[in-house]
């Protein structure tokens, strides 16, 4: 079995973070964290057309943060928490790396002061 089949694919962090760079899309993600909603329901609090909300939903869908399913005539959107948690994991990894670097710098400076 090739190694590539054993390794989970990397999330598309670039498109997900780019999608979340828009305040409307962040608000949609926040709303979907409360439960599934149709595009019409998502559009209610905004002064935007349903077509504009559909565009934002499409961006979030293409980067994997939400999914839509068909329930008769309804097409509710659902937040993909697994994908969102991958972003959180990446952020946590970066935070941990920077804390480690800052701790090492602090120790280095303390060692320098102790030598003087």
C-alpha atoms as a PDB file:
ATOM      1  CA  UNK A   1       0.000   0.000   0.000  1.00  0.00           C
ATOM      2  CA  UNK A   2       1.521   3.373  -0.974  1.00  0.00           C
ATOM      3  CA  UNK A   3       2.299   5.823   1.796  1.00  0.00           C
ATOM      4  CA  UNK A   4       0.066   8.480   0.208  1.00  0.00           C
ATOM      5  CA  UNK A   5      -2.993   6.324   0.892  1.00  0.00           C
ATOM      6  CA  UNK A   6      -2.126   6.149   4.610  1.00  0.00           C
ATOM      7  CA  UNK A   7      -1.716   9.882   5.106  1.00  0.00           C
ATOM      8  CA  UNK A   8      -4.839  11.978   5.570  1.00  0.00           C
ATOM      9  CA  UNK A   9      -5.094  14.812   3.038  1.00  0.00           C
ATOM     10  CA  UNK A  10      -4.232  18.264   4.309  1.00  0.00           C
ATOM     11  CA  UNK A  11      -7.182  20.599   4.676  1.00  0.00           C
ATOM     12  CA  UNK A  12      -7.269  23.457   2.205  1.00  0.00           C
ATOM     13  CA  UNK A  13      -6.274  26.050   4.784  1.00  0.00           C
ATOM     14  CA  UNK A  14      -5.734  28.823   2.253  1.00  0.00           C
ATOM     15  CA  UNK A  15      -9.247  28.743   0.829  1.00  0.00           C
ATOM     16  CA  UNK A  16     -10.845  28.224   4.241  1.00  0.00           C
ATOM     17  CA  UNK A  17      -9.015  31.164   5.828  1.00  0.00           C
ATOM     18  CA  UNK A  18      -9.694  33.296   2.741  1.00  0.00           C
ATOM     19  CA  UNK A  19     -13.392  32.424   2.981  1.00  0.00           C
ATOM     20  CA  UNK A  20     -13.428  33.357   6.666  1.00  0.00           C
ATOM     21  CA  UNK A  21     -11.772  36.680   5.856  1.00  0.00           C
ATOM     22  CA  UNK A  22     -15.200  37.990   4.854  1.00  0.00           C
ATOM     23  CA  UNK A  23     -17.405  39.189   7.748  1.00  0.00           C
ATOM     24  CA  UNK A  24     -20.616  37.927   6.119  1.00  0.00           C
ATOM     25  CA  UNK A  25     -19.180  34.432   5.760  1.00  0.00           C
ATOM     26  CA  UNK A  26     -17.951  34.484   9.374  1.00  0.00           C
ATOM     27  CA  UNK A  27     -21.474  35.471  10.429  1.00  0.00           C
ATOM     28  CA  UNK A  28     -22.915  32.606   8.369  1.00  0.00           C
ATOM     29  CA  UNK A  29     -20.544  30.148  10.063  1.00  0.00           C
ATOM     30  CA  UNK A  30     -21.527  31.560  13.461  1.00  0.00           C
ATOM     31  CA  UNK A  31     -25.222  31.149  12.589  1.00  0.00           C
ATOM     32  CA  UNK A  32     -24.710  27.600  11.317  1.00  0.00           C
ATOM     33  CA  UNK A  33     -22.928  26.710  14.567  1.00  0.00           C
ATOM     34  CA  UNK A  34     -26.380  27.087  16.165  1.00  0.00           C
ATOM     35  CA  UNK A  35     -28.002  24.659  13.729  1.00  0.00           C
ATOM     36  CA  UNK A  36     -28.815  23.939  10.100  1.00  0.00           C
ATOM     37  CA  UNK A  37     -30.473  26.646   8.008  1.00  0.00           C
ATOM     38  CA  UNK A  38     -31.598  27.239   4.447  1.00  0.00           C
ATOM     39  CA  UNK A  39     -30.170  30.062   2.339  1.00  0.00           C
ATOM     40  CA  UNK A  40     -33.385  31.993   2.920  1.00  0.00           C
ATOM     41  CA  UNK A  41     -33.058  31.597   6.673  1.00  0.00           C
ATOM     42  CA  UNK A  42     -29.401  32.607   6.512  1.00  0.00           C
ATOM     43  CA  UNK A  43     -30.305  35.723   4.510  1.00  0.00           C
ATOM     44  CA  UNK A  44     -32.868  37.026   7.047  1.00  0.00           C
ATOM     45  CA  UNK A  45     -30.579  39.148   9.250  1.00  0.00           C
ATOM     46  CA  UNK A  46     -28.667  40.640   6.307  1.00  0.00           C
ATOM     47  CA  UNK A  47     -29.491  43.472   3.957  1.00  0.00           C
ATOM     48  CA  UNK A  48     -28.374  41.228   1.085  1.00  0.00           C
ATOM     49  CA  UNK A  49     -30.238  39.408  -1.625  1.00  0.00           C
ATOM     50  CA  UNK A  50     -30.678  35.650  -1.378  1.00  0.00           C
ATOM     51  CA  UNK A  51     -28.436  35.448  -4.468  1.00  0.00           C
ATOM     52  CA  UNK A  52     -25.635  37.238  -2.583  1.00  0.00           C
ATOM     53  CA  UNK A  53     -26.051  34.869   0.368  1.00  0.00           C
ATOM     54  CA  UNK A  54     -26.033  31.934  -2.077  1.00  0.00           C
ATOM     55  CA  UNK A  55     -22.698  33.184  -3.396  1.00  0.00           C
ATOM     56  CA  UNK A  56     -21.253  33.279   0.151  1.00  0.00           C
ATOM     57  CA  UNK A  57     -22.671  29.814   0.851  1.00  0.00           C
ATOM     58  CA  UNK A  58     -21.021  28.567  -2.349  1.00  0.00           C
ATOM     59  CA  UNK A  59     -17.641  29.906  -1.242  1.00  0.00           C
ATOM     60  CA  UNK A  60     -17.998  28.204   2.147  1.00  0.00           C
ATOM     61  CA  UNK A  61     -19.146  24.995   0.479  1.00  0.00           C
ATOM     62  CA  UNK A  62     -16.251  24.911  -2.012  1.00  0.00           C
ATOM     63  CA  UNK A  63     -13.656  25.297   0.744  1.00  0.00           C
ATOM     64  CA  UNK A  64     -15.343  22.487   2.698  1.00  0.00           C
ATOM     65  CA  UNK A  65     -16.627  24.432   5.712  1.00  0.00           C
ATOM     66  CA  UNK A  66     -20.308  23.772   5.011  1.00  0.00           C
ATOM     67  CA  UNK A  67     -22.383  21.245   3.124  1.00  0.00           C
ATOM     68  CA  UNK A  68     -25.855  21.380   1.647  1.00  0.00           C
ATOM     69  CA  UNK A  69     -28.266  18.506   1.363  1.00  0.00           C
ATOM     70  CA  UNK A  70     -31.623  18.105  -0.292  1.00  0.00           C
ATOM     71  CA  UNK A  71     -34.699  17.483   1.876  1.00  0.00           C
ATOM     72  CA  UNK A  72     -37.617  17.557  -0.539  1.00  0.00           C
ATOM     73  CA  UNK A  73     -37.765  21.158  -1.736  1.00  0.00           C
ATOM     74  CA  UNK A  74     -35.508  22.444   1.055  1.00  0.00           C
ATOM     75  CA  UNK A  75     -31.720  22.601   0.797  1.00  0.00           C
ATOM     76  CA  UNK A  76     -30.480  23.166   4.345  1.00  0.00           C
ATOM     77  CA  UNK A  77     -26.855  24.062   4.986  1.00  0.00           C
ATOM     78  CA  UNK A  78     -24.843  22.379   7.720  1.00  0.00           C
ATOM     79  CA  UNK A  79     -21.562  23.444   9.265  1.00  0.00           C
ATOM     80  CA  UNK A  80     -18.800  20.867   8.839  1.00  0.00           C
ATOM     81  CA  UNK A  81     -17.418  21.045  12.349  1.00  0.00           C
ATOM     82  CA  UNK A  82     -14.698  18.519  11.494  1.00  0.00           C
ATOM     83  CA  UNK A  83     -13.257  20.900   8.903  1.00  0.00           C
ATOM     84  CA  UNK A  84     -13.600  23.879  11.232  1.00  0.00           C
ATOM     85  CA  UNK A  85     -11.762  21.980  13.948  1.00  0.00           C
ATOM     86  CA  UNK A  86      -8.882  21.344  11.509  1.00  0.00           C
ATOM     87  CA  UNK A  87      -8.463  25.125  11.291  1.00  0.00           C
ATOM     88  CA  UNK A  88      -8.484  25.331  15.078  1.00  0.00           C
ATOM     89  CA  UNK A  89      -5.866  22.594  15.282  1.00  0.00           C
ATOM     90  CA  UNK A  90      -3.637  24.461  12.841  1.00  0.00           C
ATOM     91  CA  UNK A  91      -4.008  27.676  14.871  1.00  0.00           C
ATOM     92  CA  UNK A  92      -3.266  25.802  18.106  1.00  0.00           C
ATOM     93  CA  UNK A  93      -0.145  24.249  16.547  1.00  0.00           C
ATOM     94  CA  UNK A  94       1.091  27.699  15.482  1.00  0.00           C
ATOM     95  CA  UNK A  95       0.355  29.170  18.913  1.00  0.00           C
ATOM     96  CA  UNK A  96       2.224  26.300  20.601  1.00  0.00           C
ATOM     97  CA  UNK A  97       5.236  26.738  18.289  1.00  0.00           C
ATOM     98  CA  UNK A  98       5.397  30.467  19.023  1.00  0.00           C
ATOM     99  CA  UNK A  99       5.074  29.914  22.764  1.00  0.00           C
ATOM    100  CA  UNK A 100       7.957  27.421  22.562  1.00  0.00           C
ATOM    101  CA  UNK A 101      10.073  29.940  20.632  1.00  0.00           C
ATOM    102  CA  UNK A 102       9.314  32.714  23.080  1.00  0.00           C
ATOM    103  CA  UNK A 103      10.093  30.441  26.033  1.00  0.00           C
ATOM    104  CA  UNK A 104      13.432  29.533  24.416  1.00  0.00           C
ATOM    105  CA  UNK A 105      14.213  33.218  23.842  1.00  0.00           C
ATOM    106  CA  UNK A 106      13.308  34.052  27.427  1.00  0.00           C
ATOM    107  CA  UNK A 107      15.585  31.258  28.679  1.00  0.00           C
ATOM    108  CA  UNK A 108      18.394  32.421  26.398  1.00  0.00           C
ATOM    109  CA  UNK A 109      18.118  35.991  27.701  1.00  0.00           C
ATOM    110  CA  UNK A 110      18.004  34.771  31.309  1.00  0.00           C
ATOM    111  CA  UNK A 111      21.139  32.684  30.702  1.00  0.00           C
ATOM    112  CA  UNK A 112      22.894  35.737  29.197  1.00  0.00           C
ATOM    113  CA  UNK A 113      21.953  37.859  32.239  1.00  0.00           C
ATOM    114  CA  UNK A 114      23.224  35.157  34.590  1.00  0.00           C
ATOM    115  CA  UNK A 115      26.645  35.117  32.873  1.00  0.00           C
ATOM    116  CA  UNK A 116      27.161  38.862  33.369  1.00  0.00           C
END
